[in-house]
Protein backbone atom coordinates (compact mmCIF):
# COMPACT_ATOMS: atom_id res chain seq x y z
CA UNK A 1 -232.88 -36.87 -0.31
CA UNK A 2 -235.45 -34.08 -0.27
CA UNK A 3 -237.99 -36.50 -1.75
CA UNK A 4 -235.94 -37.44 -4.79
CA UNK A 5 -233.81 -40.48 -5.61
CA UNK A 6 -230.22 -40.16 -4.33
CA UNK A 7 -228.84 -40.47 -7.86
CA UNK A 8 -230.87 -37.48 -9.03
CA UNK A 9 -229.93 -35.48 -5.92
CA UNK A 10 -226.23 -36.22 -6.37
CA UNK A 11 -226.26 -35.13 -10.00
CA UNK A 12 -227.80 -31.81 -8.94
CA UNK A 13 -225.75 -31.12 -5.83
CA UNK A 14 -222.33 -32.69 -6.33
CA UNK A 15 -220.70 -30.29 -8.77
CA UNK A 16 -217.92 -32.50 -10.04
CA UNK A 17 -216.95 -34.47 -13.12
CA UNK A 18 -217.50 -37.89 -11.51
CA UNK A 19 -220.48 -37.55 -9.16
CA UNK A 20 -220.74 -41.33 -8.80
CA UNK A 21 -217.21 -41.54 -7.35
CA UNK A 22 -217.96 -38.59 -5.08
CA UNK A 23 -221.16 -40.31 -3.92
CA UNK A 24 -219.23 -43.52 -3.13
CA UNK A 25 -216.67 -41.50 -1.16
CA UNK A 26 -219.39 -39.75 0.87
CA UNK A 27 -221.11 -43.08 1.55
CA UNK A 28 -217.85 -44.58 2.85
CA UNK A 29 -217.17 -41.55 5.05
CA UNK A 30 -220.66 -41.71 6.55
CA UNK A 31 -220.36 -45.47 7.09
CA UNK A 32 -217.18 -44.98 9.12
CA UNK A 33 -218.02 -41.65 10.79
CA UNK A 34 -219.01 -43.24 14.11
CA UNK A 35 -215.48 -44.61 14.50
CA UNK A 36 -214.00 -41.14 13.95
CA UNK A 37 -216.38 -39.64 16.52
CA UNK A 38 -215.44 -42.33 19.04
CA UNK A 39 -211.74 -41.66 18.38
CA UNK A 40 -212.20 -37.93 19.04
CA UNK A 41 -214.82 -37.90 21.80
CA UNK A 42 -214.84 -41.43 23.18
CA UNK A 43 -218.55 -41.97 22.37
CA UNK A 44 -221.31 -41.23 19.88
CA UNK A 45 -224.01 -40.54 22.47
CA UNK A 46 -223.92 -36.79 21.80
CA UNK A 47 -225.57 -37.30 18.39
CA UNK A 48 -228.52 -39.01 20.04
CA UNK A 49 -228.89 -36.05 22.42
CA UNK A 50 -228.79 -33.56 19.56
CA UNK A 51 -231.46 -35.49 17.63
CA UNK A 52 -233.68 -35.70 20.72
CA UNK A 53 -233.28 -31.95 21.29
CA UNK A 54 -234.34 -31.21 17.70
CA UNK A 55 -237.39 -33.48 17.93
CA UNK A 56 -238.44 -32.01 21.28
CA UNK A 57 -238.03 -28.43 20.01
CA UNK A 58 -240.22 -29.08 16.95
CA UNK A 59 -242.93 -30.65 19.11
CA UNK A 60 -242.83 -28.09 21.93
CA UNK A 61 -242.81 -25.12 19.53
CA UNK A 62 -245.51 -26.70 17.35
CA UNK A 63 -243.29 -26.04 14.33
CA UNK A 64 -244.77 -28.62 11.94
CA UNK A 65 -241.21 -29.58 11.02
CA UNK A 66 -240.19 -32.42 8.75
CA UNK A 67 -237.98 -34.87 10.63
CA UNK A 68 -237.10 -38.49 10.08
CA UNK A 69 -238.59 -40.42 13.01
CA UNK A 70 -240.02 -43.86 13.70
CA UNK A 71 -243.74 -44.04 13.06
CA UNK A 72 -246.33 -46.81 12.74
CA UNK A 73 -247.59 -46.89 9.17
CA UNK A 74 -251.32 -46.92 8.50
CA UNK A 75 -251.48 -47.76 4.82
CA UNK A 76 -248.49 -45.73 3.62
CA UNK A 77 -246.37 -47.69 1.16
CA UNK A 78 -249.06 -50.38 1.33
CA UNK A 79 -248.06 -51.28 4.90
CA UNK A 80 -250.01 -51.18 8.16
CA UNK A 81 -249.00 -51.90 11.72
CA UNK A 82 -245.29 -51.69 10.87
CA UNK A 83 -242.99 -49.10 12.38
CA UNK A 84 -240.42 -47.57 10.05
CA UNK A 85 -238.06 -44.62 10.31
CA UNK A 86 -239.47 -42.28 7.69
CA UNK A 87 -239.83 -38.52 7.07
CA UNK A 88 -242.82 -37.18 9.00
CA UNK A 89 -244.39 -33.83 9.82
CA UNK A 90 -244.15 -33.31 13.59
CA UNK A 91 -246.11 -30.86 15.69
CA UNK A 92 -247.53 -30.54 19.16
CA UNK A 93 -249.76 -33.51 18.26
CA UNK A 94 -246.73 -35.70 17.49
CA UNK A 95 -246.61 -37.28 14.04
CA UNK A 96 -249.22 -35.40 12.02
CA UNK A 97 -248.42 -36.92 8.67
CA UNK A 98 -246.12 -39.58 7.27
CA UNK A 99 -244.55 -38.28 4.07
CA UNK A 100 -244.51 -40.80 1.26
CA UNK A 101 -241.34 -40.15 -0.68
CA UNK A 102 -240.40 -41.92 -3.90
CA UNK A 103 -238.41 -45.04 -3.10
CA UNK A 104 -236.36 -46.95 -5.66
CA UNK A 105 -237.61 -50.50 -6.31
CA UNK A 106 -234.59 -51.98 -4.49
CA UNK A 107 -235.69 -50.25 -1.26
CA UNK A 108 -239.15 -51.80 -1.50
CA UNK A 109 -238.09 -55.26 -2.73
CA UNK A 110 -238.63 -57.14 0.58
CA UNK A 111 -242.12 -55.64 0.98
């Protein structure tokens, strides 16, 4: 989250006595959010359209925006030739830069 470990982000942003419980609750709500959207709208395809619109706007307006998109790594995180969904700077040129954010060891374990 914003380039920092989720635990650090939660401590800063979740203003409550038990931020770990609040984090678990948010994680559960996100995990099941697609089912709620399907119940209300009948599909989740609108989210894909919104994401595509945001990506296209950043590219067409040459905004150099930071968005999480799939990109082929060229040495980032010690990987090459692998496509991962990762924060990148997008512009008219497409992916200008892959942002290397700090990942906890558990996220890198299989690598």
